[in-house]
Structure formats: C-alpha cells, structure tokens
Amino acid sequence: MKPFDPSGAFQSNVNEGGIRRLTVRGAGVTVFSSGLSLAVQIVSTVVLARLLVPTDFGLVTMVTTFSLLLVNFGINGFTEAVLQAENLDRNLASNLFWVNVSIGLLLTIAFAASGSAIARFYGNPLVASVAIGISLTIIATSTSVLHLALLKRAMRFTVVSMTGILAQAISIAVSIFLAWEHWGYKALVVGVVVQAVLQSVGAWFFCEWIPGFPRRAPGTRSMVQFAIHVYGRFTINYFSRNADNLLVGWRFGAGSLGFYKKAYDLFALSASQLTAPLANVAVSALSRFKPDSPQYRKFLLNALGVIAFAGMGLSAVFTLIGKDLIRLLLGPGWEQAGRIFVFFGPGIGVMMLYYAHGWIHLSIGRPDRWFRWGLIEVSTTLLLFVLMLPFGPVGIAVAWTLSFWILTLPAFWYAGKPIQLGIVPVIAVVWRFVVAALVAGFGTAMIFGGLATFAAPPSLIGAFLRIAKISLSFGVLYLAAVALLHRGFGPAHQVLGLMREMLPGRGSSKAPLVDLPTTSATVIT
C-alpha cells in the first residue's frame, strides 16, 4: 500500500458508505487472526513448558516487566494519534517517524545500561545479560510503529494481522529450536528479538513509504502532545498491570514468578486476543461518527453487548476448567499455575469489558481524561496488590479480579460523561449475561460434583475429557440462561450473523454493525 498520493496527502480509499463494511471485515480479520495467534501461542506454551523450567520463564519476565514499558512508547501514542488525526500528510508522518525512532534509540541504550541495576534489585546476576539482549527489541519495534499505524488508518487490517502472525510464528519456531539445543532462557530472549525485527520488516514491506527528512509541518506539535497523553495513560496503566510481576519476583523468586506468569498469560490472552485487536477497528470506526450521535451510541453499546456475551461465558467456563486446562497445556509440574489460574477466571469477562472504556476516550479525542482515569486505576490496583501480597501469587490473582469488578462501571461513567452516555445503558447491555454466566456456572459445578470440580486434575487424557464435558454442559446451560433472560435467542442469532458477515464476500454496507434488539436506550433486551 502506498499511503500518500503524489501531493503528499494521505489516501485511504475509504468512502463514507464503505466504513461499516470495512469495519466488519476488519473485525472479522482481527478476531480470526487473534484466534490463530492464540493457537500459535498455546502450541509454543505446550512445547516450551516441556523444554524449559519455570525459572527460565521467570528470568525473562523479570526483565520484560521493565522493557515492555519502553517497547510500547510509540505503539501506544503515535498509533492512536495517526488513527484519529483529521488531516495527515507525508511530512507530518515523517516527523512523527523520526521522533519515535530517536526516542527509541535513546531508550534502547538506557535500558541496556540499566541491566546491572535490575539484576541487583532481583538479586540475580543473570538478569543483566538478559536485559542487554531484550533492549534490542525497543529500537527494532520503534522502526515499525508509523508504518503499521498508516496501514491501520487505511483499514488494511489483513496485512497488519498477517505480519504479526508470521513474525510470531517464526520467532516461536526459533525459540523452540534453541530450547531443544539447551539454550535455556537465552532461547526465549532470542525469540523476542526476532519477533520485533520481523514485525518491522513486514511493516516496511506492506507499507511502501520511506520517511523523508524532518521539516516544519503543521500539526506536529499537537500530534506529539496527543501521543504523550496516550503514552502517559499507558504508563500509569502499565505500572498497575506489571506491579504484580515485580512484587511476585521480588518477594517469592524466579520460580514462583514462572508459575504465576503462565497463569496470568492464559488469563490475559483469553481476553486481549479478542478485545485488543478490536480496539484499533473500534476507534477507527467510532472516530468517524459524531460523539453525540445515535450512530455512535448504537455502535458502542452493541459492541459491548457482543463482548459481554462472549466474555462472561469465557469467564465462567475458564474458572471451572482452569486446573485441567493448565495440566493439559503445560504438563506435569505446573500444578501451582493451575491453582493460581482458577482465581483469575472470574475476572476474564469483566476485564474484556473494562478495556473497551478506552475506546470512548480515544474516539472523542480526550486522551487527557483517559490519563487522569489511569491515576485512579493504578491507585486502586496497587492498593489491592499490597493488601493481597501476603497470600502469595494466589492473592495477587484475586486482587486482579477484584480490581476489574470494582473499576468497570466507574470507568464507563467517567469516559462517557463528555457525551452524556451514563452507566444505565451499559448496565442494561451487560447484566443479563452476568446473571446467565453465574447461573450456568453454578449449575455446571453442581452437575459435576460441586467442589469436586476444582479437585486436583487427573491424567492428561482425564483432564481433556473433563474439559470437554464441563465446557459442553456449561455451553448448553449458558445459552439456555441467555435465551430465558432475553426471552429468545436474539443475541445468539445476531452474534452468529455477525460472524457470518465477517467472512469475505458476505454482508451489506447498509445495516448497522450489530443489529441486535434494542430499547429506547439502544441496548440489548
């Protein structure tokens, strides 16, 4: 794709009537690619967990707890600035590219030099060498940020997804090969670096644009300020999202951190693989509507309904099968991770909903409010971490789940205040799915022996069979409860229709994104 025409103006080839069609296609591509990415990640987990030990994963996590904050400098900031900008030309994009790469280079050098300090903090000398290797991901990632952002602005989500999946698959193959050759934790380090490099190569290949030299361009300052606000919010959020790794690694060591990280990864992946990829699609689409228009509200609330339908179901079933799933994926010796994951399960669905409040801030151009909300979020989450730390990694998992249930409704109230959204429409969309998941979850647990459902997992074959039986039973009960509360199968039918429409060659550009039954508040009934 050539993002700029001969005059230097951005060319997206997206007309008003095609927004909806490309939004649905983009959602379909991102959901499918996220599922494929999750499958690749699961395969890598299954294999690497049998070639490496928890301490190897713990060592790398000790370093990435710090490095990922720096890696995301441009990804969270300049991406959103490019997506929401009303006007964008070649000169402005070039300026943003050089600002991002220059800062990326400085951060790379600084992080490599800080390796010894991080090693002293954890009391583990191996951390210093890991930090030097991981630092290369910062500069490698910075070179791809603007190219990927331009592809997303043009709604070329297929090539963005394909680039990410190929980079991930190849890097995992490299890690597995090196782990087989007994490289230990170094296999993970090399894999992380390879993925960042390949992502950049793919971004430059698909986005045929070579940045020009920096020059004066109207809007540069405001775009950088917008990016700083977004990254500032991300930084605050990052501290709350990674303080758990820091505390567990510091208090309980690399081994316990390895168990905790694998449980957390399954918790986070189950949600982020759906909501994170949809964020760019949603922000791109919502930014094209007037914030106070009925179309904006309908799009947002219907999207929340779809997330609640899927998320609450996943939350309940993962709580029921958590120990068996960890046993099946990671094999013997990882039972402690399974016990931790059970306490993450109840937070999966509400976490998926919580992340969507950021769509409102970004689409209405108010990252400053998102930043301020982040201060409340990090304060609440860190307080819960401190209170639950004496209970070990399980306590931190409980703190995560509580934080999302406490913060979600206030977050949507604050985000929607500038457009008078309120929380009543959000509650009206979500509550039936919460009740349905609770009823189906308790019903399934009783069918399979109550508390015996959470007993130690049996053999691998037994774990697989129990997962299949519990999942099937829960699915039937959940759909029945949803149908009862909605007085019909409308939500299930409409979600299936949306999934069909995401396939190539299907759908119409005239229908609403998700044509679910609505009330005067435009909510699912």
Protein backbone atom coordinates (compact mmCIF):
# COMPACT_ATOMS: atom_id res chain seq x y z
CA MET A 1 0.00 0.00 0.00
CA LYS A 2 1.22 3.49 -0.87
CA PRO A 3 -0.22 5.65 1.92
CA PHE A 4 0.32 9.05 0.29
CA ASP A 5 -0.67 10.41 -3.11
CA PRO A 6 1.73 12.45 -5.32
CA SER A 7 0.76 15.65 -3.48
CA GLY A 8 1.72 14.10 -0.14
CA ALA A 9 -1.82 13.77 1.24
CA PHE A 10 -2.93 10.55 2.90
CA GLN A 11 -5.05 8.35 0.65
CA SER A 12 -7.18 5.69 2.31
CA ASN A 13 -9.73 4.90 -0.43
CA VAL A 14 -12.41 4.58 2.27
CA ASN A 15 -15.64 6.40 1.48
CA GLU A 16 -18.47 7.11 3.88
CA GLY A 17 -20.59 4.21 2.67
CA GLY A 18 -17.73 1.75 2.99
CA ILE A 19 -16.87 2.44 6.62
CA ARG A 20 -19.29 -0.08 8.00
CA ARG A 21 -18.26 -2.80 5.55
CA LEU A 22 -14.56 -2.32 6.24
CA THR A 23 -15.23 -2.16 9.98
CA VAL A 24 -16.98 -5.53 9.94
CA ARG A 25 -14.30 -7.02 7.70
CA GLY A 26 -11.61 -5.57 9.92
CA ALA A 27 -13.27 -7.01 12.99
CA GLY A 28 -13.51 -10.38 11.29
CA VAL A 29 -9.88 -10.36 10.26
CA THR A 30 -8.63 -9.27 13.66
CA VAL A 31 -10.75 -11.78 15.56
CA PHE A 32 -9.69 -14.61 13.24
CA SER A 33 -6.03 -13.60 13.34
CA SER A 34 -6.21 -13.24 17.11
CA GLY A 35 -7.60 -16.75 17.37
CA LEU A 36 -4.82 -18.01 15.14
CA SER A 37 -2.26 -16.08 17.18
CA LEU A 38 -3.69 -17.58 20.36
CA ALA A 39 -3.41 -21.05 18.85
CA VAL A 40 0.23 -20.42 17.94
CA GLN A 41 0.87 -19.11 21.45
CA ILE A 42 -0.75 -22.16 23.01
CA VAL A 43 1.34 -24.51 20.88
CA SER A 44 4.50 -22.66 21.89
CA THR A 45 3.47 -22.83 25.54
CA VAL A 46 2.84 -26.56 25.33
CA VAL A 47 6.23 -27.20 23.74
CA LEU A 48 8.41 -24.71 25.61
CA ALA A 49 6.95 -25.64 29.00
CA ARG A 50 8.34 -29.12 28.41
CA LEU A 51 11.76 -27.95 27.20
CA LEU A 52 12.39 -25.22 29.78
CA VAL A 53 11.84 -24.84 33.53
CA PRO A 54 9.75 -22.21 35.37
CA THR A 55 12.94 -20.35 36.36
CA ASP A 56 13.79 -19.71 32.68
CA PHE A 57 10.41 -18.04 32.13
CA GLY A 58 10.79 -16.18 35.41
CA LEU A 59 14.17 -14.71 34.42
CA VAL A 60 12.86 -13.30 31.16
CA THR A 61 9.71 -11.99 32.85
CA MET A 62 11.85 -10.14 35.40
CA VAL A 63 13.36 -8.14 32.52
CA THR A 64 10.32 -7.75 30.27
CA THR A 65 8.41 -6.34 33.24
CA PHE A 66 10.55 -3.22 32.69
CA SER A 67 11.34 -3.42 28.96
CA LEU A 68 7.78 -3.67 27.65
CA LEU A 69 7.04 -0.22 29.04
CA LEU A 70 9.74 1.20 26.77
CA VAL A 71 8.91 -1.02 23.80
CA ASN A 72 5.38 0.38 23.81
CA PHE A 73 6.44 4.02 23.71
CA GLY A 74 5.31 4.60 20.12
CA ILE A 75 2.84 1.74 19.80
CA ASN A 76 0.69 3.37 22.47
CA GLY A 77 0.68 7.01 21.49
CA PHE A 78 1.63 7.60 17.88
CA THR A 79 -0.64 4.81 16.64
CA GLU A 80 -3.71 6.45 18.17
CA ALA A 81 -2.55 9.89 17.03
CA VAL A 82 -2.35 8.70 13.42
CA LEU A 83 -5.71 6.89 13.61
CA GLN A 84 -7.71 9.83 14.93
CA ALA A 85 -5.98 12.66 13.03
CA GLU A 86 -8.36 14.57 10.79
CA ASN A 87 -5.59 15.53 8.38
CA LEU A 88 -2.33 13.66 7.79
CA ASP A 89 0.30 14.19 5.12
CA ARG A 90 3.71 12.78 4.23
CA ASN A 91 5.74 15.48 6.02
CA LEU A 92 3.80 15.15 9.26
CA ALA A 93 4.16 11.35 9.20
CA SER A 94 7.92 11.67 8.57
CA ASN A 95 8.33 13.96 11.56
CA LEU A 96 6.48 11.52 13.78
CA PHE A 97 8.61 8.65 12.50
CA TRP A 98 11.90 10.36 13.37
CA VAL A 99 10.66 11.49 16.77
CA ASN A 100 9.65 7.94 17.58
CA VAL A 101 12.85 6.29 16.32
CA SER A 102 15.10 8.84 18.05
CA ILE A 103 13.42 8.26 21.38
CA GLY A 104 13.52 4.50 20.75
CA LEU A 105 17.28 4.61 20.26
CA LEU A 106 17.81 6.56 23.47
CA LEU A 107 15.60 4.18 25.42
CA THR A 108 17.49 1.18 23.99
CA ILE A 109 20.84 2.49 25.20
CA ALA A 110 19.45 3.47 28.59
CA PHE A 111 17.81 0.11 29.18
CA ALA A 112 20.89 -1.89 28.21
CA ALA A 113 22.94 0.20 30.65
CA SER A 114 20.40 -0.38 33.44
CA GLY A 115 20.76 -4.17 33.33
CA SER A 116 23.12 -4.36 36.31
CA ALA A 117 20.77 -2.24 38.44
CA ILE A 118 17.83 -4.51 37.61
CA ALA A 119 19.98 -7.54 38.47
CA ARG A 120 20.80 -6.07 41.87
CA PHE A 121 17.11 -5.37 42.53
CA TYR A 122 16.19 -9.02 41.97
CA GLY A 123 19.41 -10.38 43.43
CA ASN A 124 20.08 -12.44 40.29
CA PRO A 125 23.20 -11.69 38.15
CA LEU A 126 21.76 -13.44 35.07
CA VAL A 127 19.22 -10.64 34.72
CA ALA A 128 21.90 -8.20 33.46
CA SER A 129 22.71 -10.20 30.32
CA VAL A 130 19.03 -10.79 29.63
CA ALA A 131 18.42 -7.01 29.79
CA ILE A 132 21.10 -6.32 27.17
CA GLY A 133 19.52 -8.77 24.74
CA ILE A 134 15.95 -7.62 25.33
CA SER A 135 16.96 -3.96 24.86
CA LEU A 136 17.27 -4.59 21.10
CA THR A 137 13.50 -5.03 20.88
CA ILE A 138 12.99 -1.36 21.75
CA ILE A 139 14.77 0.09 18.71
CA ALA A 140 13.51 -2.68 16.41
CA THR A 141 9.89 -2.01 17.39
CA SER A 142 10.22 1.77 17.03
CA THR A 143 11.03 1.43 13.31
CA SER A 144 7.68 -0.22 12.55
CA VAL A 145 5.24 1.91 14.57
CA LEU A 146 4.39 4.55 11.94
CA HIS A 147 4.17 2.07 9.07
CA LEU A 148 1.75 -0.15 10.97
CA ALA A 149 -0.27 2.89 12.07
CA LEU A 150 -0.66 4.03 8.45
CA LEU A 151 -1.85 0.57 7.44
CA LYS A 152 -4.42 0.64 10.25
CA ARG A 153 -5.58 4.14 9.29
CA ALA A 154 -6.21 2.81 5.78
CA MET A 155 -8.08 -0.10 7.45
CA ARG A 156 -5.68 -2.65 5.95
CA PHE A 157 -6.08 -4.94 8.93
CA THR A 158 -5.46 -8.11 6.95
CA VAL A 159 -1.83 -7.28 6.19
CA VAL A 160 -1.26 -5.95 9.71
CA SER A 161 -2.56 -9.19 11.19
CA MET A 162 -0.63 -11.34 8.73
CA THR A 163 2.59 -9.52 9.55
CA GLY A 164 2.12 -10.04 13.27
CA ILE A 165 1.24 -13.72 12.99
CA LEU A 166 4.16 -14.56 10.69
CA ALA A 167 6.60 -12.73 12.95
CA GLN A 168 5.20 -14.53 15.99
CA ALA A 169 5.25 -17.97 14.38
CA ILE A 170 8.83 -17.68 13.13
CA SER A 171 10.12 -16.28 16.42
CA ILE A 172 8.46 -19.11 18.34
CA ALA A 173 9.99 -21.67 16.00
CA VAL A 174 13.40 -20.12 16.67
CA SER A 175 12.83 -20.27 20.44
CA ILE A 176 11.73 -23.90 20.30
CA PHE A 177 14.76 -24.89 18.23
CA LEU A 178 17.17 -23.13 20.57
CA ALA A 179 15.42 -24.57 23.64
CA TRP A 180 15.81 -28.03 22.10
CA GLU A 181 19.52 -27.22 21.76
CA HIS A 182 19.63 -26.48 25.52
CA TRP A 183 19.98 -22.70 25.32
CA GLY A 184 17.71 -22.33 28.34
CA TYR A 185 16.41 -18.81 28.99
CA LYS A 186 18.51 -17.48 26.08
CA ALA A 187 16.13 -19.24 23.68
CA LEU A 188 13.32 -17.01 24.92
CA VAL A 189 15.46 -13.86 24.63
CA VAL A 190 16.42 -14.57 21.03
CA GLY A 191 12.80 -15.31 20.12
CA VAL A 192 11.60 -11.97 21.49
CA VAL A 193 14.22 -10.06 19.48
CA VAL A 194 13.50 -11.99 16.27
CA GLN A 195 9.78 -11.21 16.53
CA ALA A 196 10.40 -7.46 16.81
CA VAL A 197 12.77 -7.45 13.83
CA LEU A 198 10.45 -9.49 11.61
CA GLN A 199 7.48 -7.28 12.53
CA SER A 200 9.41 -4.26 11.33
CA VAL A 201 10.47 -5.93 8.09
CA GLY A 202 6.87 -6.89 7.33
CA ALA A 203 5.58 -3.40 8.10
CA TRP A 204 8.02 -1.78 5.67
CA PHE A 205 7.24 -4.38 3.01
CA PHE A 206 3.49 -3.82 3.06
CA CYS A 207 3.53 -0.05 3.64
CA GLU A 208 5.51 1.31 0.70
CA TRP A 209 6.68 4.52 2.30
CA ILE A 210 10.16 5.83 3.01
CA PRO A 211 10.15 8.67 5.56
CA GLY A 212 11.59 11.96 4.42
CA PHE A 213 13.86 14.23 6.39
CA PRO A 214 12.29 16.16 9.28
CA ARG A 215 10.84 19.54 8.33
CA ARG A 216 8.23 22.00 9.52
CA ALA A 217 4.75 20.54 9.24
CA PRO A 218 1.54 21.92 10.76
CA GLY A 219 0.14 19.65 13.44
CA THR A 220 3.41 18.05 14.51
CA ARG A 221 3.36 19.55 17.99
CA SER A 222 -0.29 18.71 18.64
CA MET A 223 0.16 15.15 17.39
CA VAL A 224 3.17 14.63 19.65
CA GLN A 225 1.21 16.06 22.59
CA PHE A 226 -1.67 13.71 21.83
CA ALA A 227 0.76 10.77 21.72
CA ILE A 228 2.34 11.80 25.02
CA HIS A 229 -1.07 11.92 26.71
CA VAL A 230 -1.90 8.43 25.43
CA TYR A 231 1.50 7.06 26.41
CA GLY A 232 1.24 8.75 29.80
CA ARG A 233 -2.02 6.92 30.37
CA PHE A 234 -0.41 3.70 29.13
CA THR A 235 2.49 4.19 31.54
CA ILE A 236 0.19 4.53 34.51
CA ASN A 237 -1.79 1.53 33.35
CA TYR A 238 1.44 -0.38 32.76
CA PHE A 239 2.61 0.06 36.32
CA SER A 240 -0.64 -1.37 37.63
CA ARG A 241 -0.54 -4.18 35.06
CA ASN A 242 3.05 -5.19 35.84
CA ALA A 243 3.47 -4.42 39.51
CA ASP A 244 2.27 -7.97 40.09
CA ASN A 245 5.30 -9.45 38.29
CA LEU A 246 7.57 -7.08 40.15
CA LEU A 247 6.14 -7.97 43.56
CA VAL A 248 5.97 -11.72 42.98
CA GLY A 249 9.51 -11.85 41.55
CA TRP A 250 10.90 -9.70 44.37
CA ARG A 251 9.05 -11.46 47.20
CA PHE A 252 8.92 -15.09 46.03
CA GLY A 253 11.70 -15.51 43.42
CA ALA A 254 12.01 -16.57 39.76
CA GLY A 255 10.39 -19.99 40.25
CA SER A 256 7.16 -18.65 41.74
CA LEU A 257 7.13 -15.88 39.13
CA GLY A 258 7.36 -18.52 36.39
CA PHE A 259 4.24 -20.29 37.71
CA TYR A 260 2.39 -17.02 38.20
CA LYS A 261 3.32 -15.69 34.74
CA LYS A 262 1.97 -18.74 32.93
CA ALA A 263 -1.34 -18.47 34.80
CA TYR A 264 -1.51 -14.74 34.09
CA ASP A 265 -0.67 -15.23 30.41
CA LEU A 266 -3.64 -17.53 29.93
CA PHE A 267 -5.83 -15.05 31.83
CA ALA A 268 -4.68 -12.07 29.77
CA LEU A 269 -4.53 -13.85 26.42
CA SER A 270 -8.08 -15.12 26.70
CA ALA A 271 -9.29 -11.52 26.86
CA SER A 272 -6.71 -9.50 24.95
CA GLN A 273 -6.82 -11.78 21.91
CA LEU A 274 -10.38 -10.55 21.32
CA THR A 275 -10.51 -7.00 22.68
CA ALA A 276 -7.01 -5.69 21.96
CA PRO A 277 -7.12 -6.32 18.20
CA LEU A 278 -10.65 -4.90 18.03
CA ALA A 279 -9.52 -1.67 19.71
CA ASN A 280 -7.99 -0.21 16.55
CA VAL A 281 -11.02 -1.25 14.49
CA ALA A 282 -13.43 0.24 17.03
CA VAL A 283 -11.53 3.51 17.45
CA SER A 284 -11.22 3.92 13.68
CA ALA A 285 -14.96 3.37 13.25
CA LEU A 286 -16.16 5.41 16.25
CA SER A 287 -13.92 8.34 15.24
CA ARG A 288 -15.97 8.67 12.04
CA PHE A 289 -19.22 9.27 13.96
CA LYS A 290 -20.15 12.39 15.87
CA PRO A 291 -19.73 11.54 19.58
CA ASP A 292 -23.25 12.70 20.47
CA SER A 293 -24.94 10.95 17.54
CA PRO A 294 -27.29 7.95 17.85
CA GLN A 295 -25.00 6.00 15.50
CA TYR A 296 -22.05 6.39 17.90
CA ARG A 297 -24.05 5.17 20.88
CA LYS A 298 -25.58 2.27 18.95
CA PHE A 299 -22.21 1.11 17.65
CA LEU A 300 -20.61 1.29 21.10
CA LEU A 301 -23.38 -0.37 23.08
CA ASN A 302 -23.87 -3.17 20.59
CA ALA A 303 -20.13 -3.84 20.64
CA LEU A 304 -20.26 -4.02 24.45
CA GLY A 305 -23.13 -6.50 24.17
CA VAL A 306 -21.08 -8.78 21.94
CA ILE A 307 -18.10 -8.57 24.30
CA ALA A 308 -20.29 -9.32 27.33
CA PHE A 309 -21.91 -12.30 25.61
CA ALA A 310 -18.54 -13.88 24.82
CA GLY A 311 -16.61 -12.63 27.85
CA MET A 312 -18.94 -13.68 30.64
CA GLY A 313 -19.21 -17.14 29.16
CA LEU A 314 -15.44 -17.49 28.90
CA SER A 315 -15.02 -16.19 32.43
CA ALA A 316 -17.27 -18.84 33.97
CA VAL A 317 -16.08 -21.80 31.95
CA PHE A 318 -12.38 -20.98 32.44
CA THR A 319 -12.97 -20.83 36.19
CA LEU A 320 -14.42 -24.34 36.03
CA ILE A 321 -11.76 -25.92 33.80
CA GLY A 322 -8.73 -23.84 34.83
CA LYS A 323 -6.74 -26.56 36.63
CA ASP A 324 -7.40 -29.14 33.94
CA LEU A 325 -6.51 -26.69 31.18
CA ILE A 326 -3.14 -25.84 32.75
CA ARG A 327 -2.40 -29.55 33.29
CA LEU A 328 -3.25 -30.27 29.65
CA LEU A 329 -1.24 -27.38 28.22
CA LEU A 330 1.84 -27.33 30.43
CA GLY A 331 2.08 -30.92 31.61
CA PRO A 332 3.15 -32.32 35.00
CA GLY A 333 4.99 -30.00 37.35
CA TRP A 334 2.88 -26.91 36.62
CA GLU A 335 0.00 -27.64 39.02
CA GLN A 336 0.74 -24.49 41.02
CA ALA A 337 -0.02 -22.40 37.92
CA GLY A 338 -3.39 -24.16 37.65
CA ARG A 339 -4.32 -23.25 41.22
CA ILE A 340 -3.46 -19.62 40.51
CA PHE A 341 -5.44 -19.52 37.27
CA VAL A 342 -8.69 -20.60 38.94
CA PHE A 343 -8.71 -17.25 40.79
CA PHE A 344 -8.05 -15.32 37.58
CA GLY A 345 -11.05 -16.90 35.84
CA PRO A 346 -13.85 -14.77 37.36
CA GLY A 347 -12.12 -11.62 36.09
CA ILE A 348 -11.83 -12.53 32.40
CA GLY A 349 -15.21 -11.29 31.19
CA VAL A 350 -15.22 -8.05 33.15
CA MET A 351 -11.64 -7.34 32.05
CA MET A 352 -12.76 -7.60 28.42
CA LEU A 353 -15.48 -5.04 29.10
CA TYR A 354 -13.22 -2.75 31.10
CA TYR A 355 -10.70 -2.30 28.31
CA ALA A 356 -13.44 -1.02 25.99
CA HIS A 357 -13.88 2.19 28.01
CA GLY A 358 -10.68 3.45 26.41
CA TRP A 359 -12.41 3.41 23.02
CA ILE A 360 -14.59 6.30 24.18
CA HIS A 361 -11.70 8.47 25.36
CA LEU A 362 -9.73 7.98 22.16
CA SER A 363 -12.58 8.26 19.67
CA ILE A 364 -13.76 11.60 21.11
CA GLY A 365 -10.20 12.93 21.24
CA ARG A 366 -9.86 13.09 25.03
CA PRO A 367 -6.72 11.12 25.96
CA ASP A 368 -6.20 13.62 28.79
CA ARG A 369 -9.28 12.24 30.55
CA TRP A 370 -8.04 8.70 29.91
CA PHE A 371 -4.75 9.67 31.53
CA ARG A 372 -6.49 11.08 34.60
CA TRP A 373 -8.63 7.98 34.98
CA GLY A 374 -5.44 5.96 34.86
CA LEU A 375 -4.32 7.59 38.12
CA ILE A 376 -7.43 6.24 39.83
CA GLU A 377 -6.95 2.83 38.25
CA VAL A 378 -3.32 2.41 39.26
CA SER A 379 -4.01 3.59 42.82
CA THR A 380 -6.83 1.10 43.26
CA THR A 381 -4.97 -1.81 41.71
CA LEU A 382 -1.72 -1.25 43.62
CA LEU A 383 -3.62 -0.96 46.89
CA LEU A 384 -5.26 -4.33 46.24
CA PHE A 385 -1.87 -5.86 45.35
CA VAL A 386 -0.33 -4.69 48.60
CA LEU A 387 -3.28 -5.97 50.62
CA MET A 388 -3.25 -9.39 48.95
CA LEU A 389 0.54 -9.93 48.66
CA PRO A 390 0.77 -11.85 51.99
CA PHE A 391 -1.44 -14.53 50.40
CA GLY A 392 1.16 -15.19 47.69
CA PRO A 393 0.61 -15.40 43.91
CA VAL A 394 -2.97 -16.59 44.51
CA GLY A 395 -3.67 -13.39 46.43
CA ILE A 396 -2.37 -11.29 43.54
CA ALA A 397 -4.70 -13.17 41.18
CA VAL A 398 -7.64 -12.39 43.46
CA ALA A 399 -6.57 -8.73 43.54
CA TRP A 400 -6.68 -8.60 39.73
CA THR A 401 -10.19 -9.99 39.60
CA LEU A 402 -11.46 -7.61 42.29
CA SER A 403 -9.89 -4.59 40.60
CA PHE A 404 -11.80 -5.09 37.35
CA TRP A 405 -15.13 -5.65 39.08
CA ILE A 406 -14.61 -2.53 41.20
CA LEU A 407 -13.45 -0.22 38.40
CA THR A 408 -15.54 -1.11 35.34
CA LEU A 409 -18.75 0.86 35.94
CA PRO A 410 -16.97 3.98 37.29
CA ALA A 411 -14.66 3.83 34.25
CA PHE A 412 -17.56 3.89 31.79
CA TRP A 413 -19.31 6.64 33.76
CA TYR A 414 -16.21 8.84 33.59
CA ALA A 415 -15.42 8.06 29.95
CA GLY A 416 -18.99 8.71 28.83
CA LYS A 417 -19.51 11.91 30.81
CA PRO A 418 -18.47 14.31 27.97
CA ILE A 419 -21.07 12.71 25.66
CA GLN A 420 -23.73 12.14 28.36
CA LEU A 421 -23.60 8.37 27.92
CA GLY A 422 -24.21 7.39 31.55
CA ILE A 423 -23.87 3.91 33.01
CA VAL A 424 -27.52 2.85 32.85
CA PRO A 425 -27.28 1.85 29.14
CA VAL A 426 -24.05 -0.07 29.88
CA ILE A 427 -25.64 -1.96 32.78
CA ALA A 428 -28.71 -2.70 30.65
CA VAL A 429 -26.49 -4.27 27.98
CA VAL A 430 -24.40 -6.37 30.36
CA TRP A 431 -26.35 -7.56 33.41
CA ARG A 432 -28.24 -10.41 31.78
CA PHE A 433 -25.02 -12.01 30.57
CA VAL A 434 -23.50 -11.74 34.06
CA VAL A 435 -26.51 -13.47 35.60
CA ALA A 436 -26.58 -16.12 32.87
CA ALA A 437 -22.89 -16.93 33.43
CA LEU A 438 -23.38 -17.22 37.20
CA VAL A 439 -26.41 -19.49 36.88
CA ALA A 440 -24.78 -21.69 34.25
CA GLY A 441 -21.50 -21.83 36.17
CA PHE A 442 -23.07 -22.91 39.44
CA GLY A 443 -25.34 -25.35 37.62
CA THR A 444 -22.40 -26.97 35.85
CA ALA A 445 -20.41 -27.21 39.08
CA MET A 446 -23.30 -28.97 40.79
CA ILE A 447 -23.72 -31.40 37.90
CA PHE A 448 -20.08 -32.42 38.18
CA GLY A 449 -19.97 -32.80 41.95
CA GLY A 450 -19.84 -29.29 43.37
CA LEU A 451 -16.44 -28.58 44.87
CA ALA A 452 -15.08 -31.77 43.29
CA THR A 453 -14.99 -29.78 40.04
CA PHE A 454 -11.98 -27.95 41.46
CA ALA A 455 -10.16 -31.08 42.67
CA ALA A 456 -6.63 -31.88 41.54
CA PRO A 457 -6.58 -32.59 37.79
CA PRO A 458 -6.36 -36.23 36.74
CA SER A 459 -4.20 -37.67 33.95
CA LEU A 460 -3.78 -35.74 30.69
CA ILE A 461 -6.49 -37.81 29.00
CA GLY A 462 -8.74 -37.40 32.03
CA ALA A 463 -8.13 -33.64 32.02
CA PHE A 464 -9.06 -33.44 28.34
CA LEU A 465 -12.26 -35.44 28.82
CA ARG A 466 -13.29 -33.40 31.86
CA ILE A 467 -12.67 -30.14 29.97
CA ALA A 468 -14.85 -31.35 27.09
CA LYS A 469 -17.71 -32.48 29.34
CA ILE A 470 -17.72 -29.37 31.51
CA SER A 471 -17.44 -27.00 28.53
CA LEU A 472 -20.30 -28.69 26.68
CA SER A 473 -22.55 -28.72 29.74
CA PHE A 474 -21.79 -25.11 30.54
CA GLY A 475 -22.37 -24.02 26.95
CA VAL A 476 -25.83 -25.55 26.88
CA LEU A 477 -26.79 -24.05 30.25
CA TYR A 478 -25.36 -20.63 29.36
CA LEU A 479 -27.21 -20.37 26.05
CA ALA A 480 -30.41 -21.50 27.77
CA ALA A 481 -30.00 -18.88 30.51
CA VAL A 482 -29.26 -16.14 27.96
CA ALA A 483 -32.33 -17.14 25.95
CA LEU A 484 -34.51 -17.16 29.07
CA LEU A 485 -33.33 -13.73 30.25
CA HIS A 486 -33.63 -12.23 26.74
CA ARG A 487 -36.91 -14.05 26.03
CA GLY A 488 -35.49 -15.62 22.92
CA PHE A 489 -32.31 -16.47 21.07
CA GLY A 490 -31.90 -12.98 19.60
CA PRO A 491 -28.38 -12.30 20.96
CA ALA A 492 -27.04 -15.70 19.86
CA HIS A 493 -28.62 -15.42 16.41
CA GLN A 494 -27.34 -11.91 15.87
CA VAL A 495 -23.80 -12.74 17.02
CA LEU A 496 -23.75 -15.73 14.67
CA GLY A 497 -24.98 -13.44 11.91
CA LEU A 498 -22.20 -11.02 12.62
CA MET A 499 -19.67 -13.85 12.49
CA ARG A 500 -21.01 -14.94 9.09
CA GLU A 501 -20.86 -11.38 7.84
CA MET A 502 -17.20 -11.13 8.82
CA LEU A 503 -16.41 -13.75 6.17
CA PRO A 504 -15.21 -12.46 2.78
CA GLY A 505 -17.93 -11.78 0.23
CA ARG A 506 -20.77 -11.53 2.77
CA GLY A 507 -22.75 -8.68 4.24
CA SER A 508 -24.19 -5.34 3.24
CA SER A 509 -22.89 -1.91 3.96
CA LYS A 510 -26.31 -0.57 4.88
CA ALA A 511 -27.13 -2.48 8.05
CA PRO A 512 -25.93 -1.45 11.49
CA LEU A 513 -22.77 -3.10 12.77
CA VAL A 514 -24.66 -5.46 15.07
CA ASP A 515 -28.40 -5.32 14.56
CA LEU A 516 -29.45 -6.58 17.98
CA PRO A 517 -32.88 -5.89 19.50
CA THR A 518 -32.76 -2.53 21.26
CA THR A 519 -34.79 -0.36 23.58
CA SER A 520 -35.01 3.40 23.53
CA ALA A 521 -31.62 3.39 25.23
CA THR A 522 -30.26 1.26 22.38
CA VAL A 523 -29.38 -1.74 24.48
CA ILE A 524 -29.79 -5.47 24.20
CA THR A 525 -33.04 -6.75 25.69
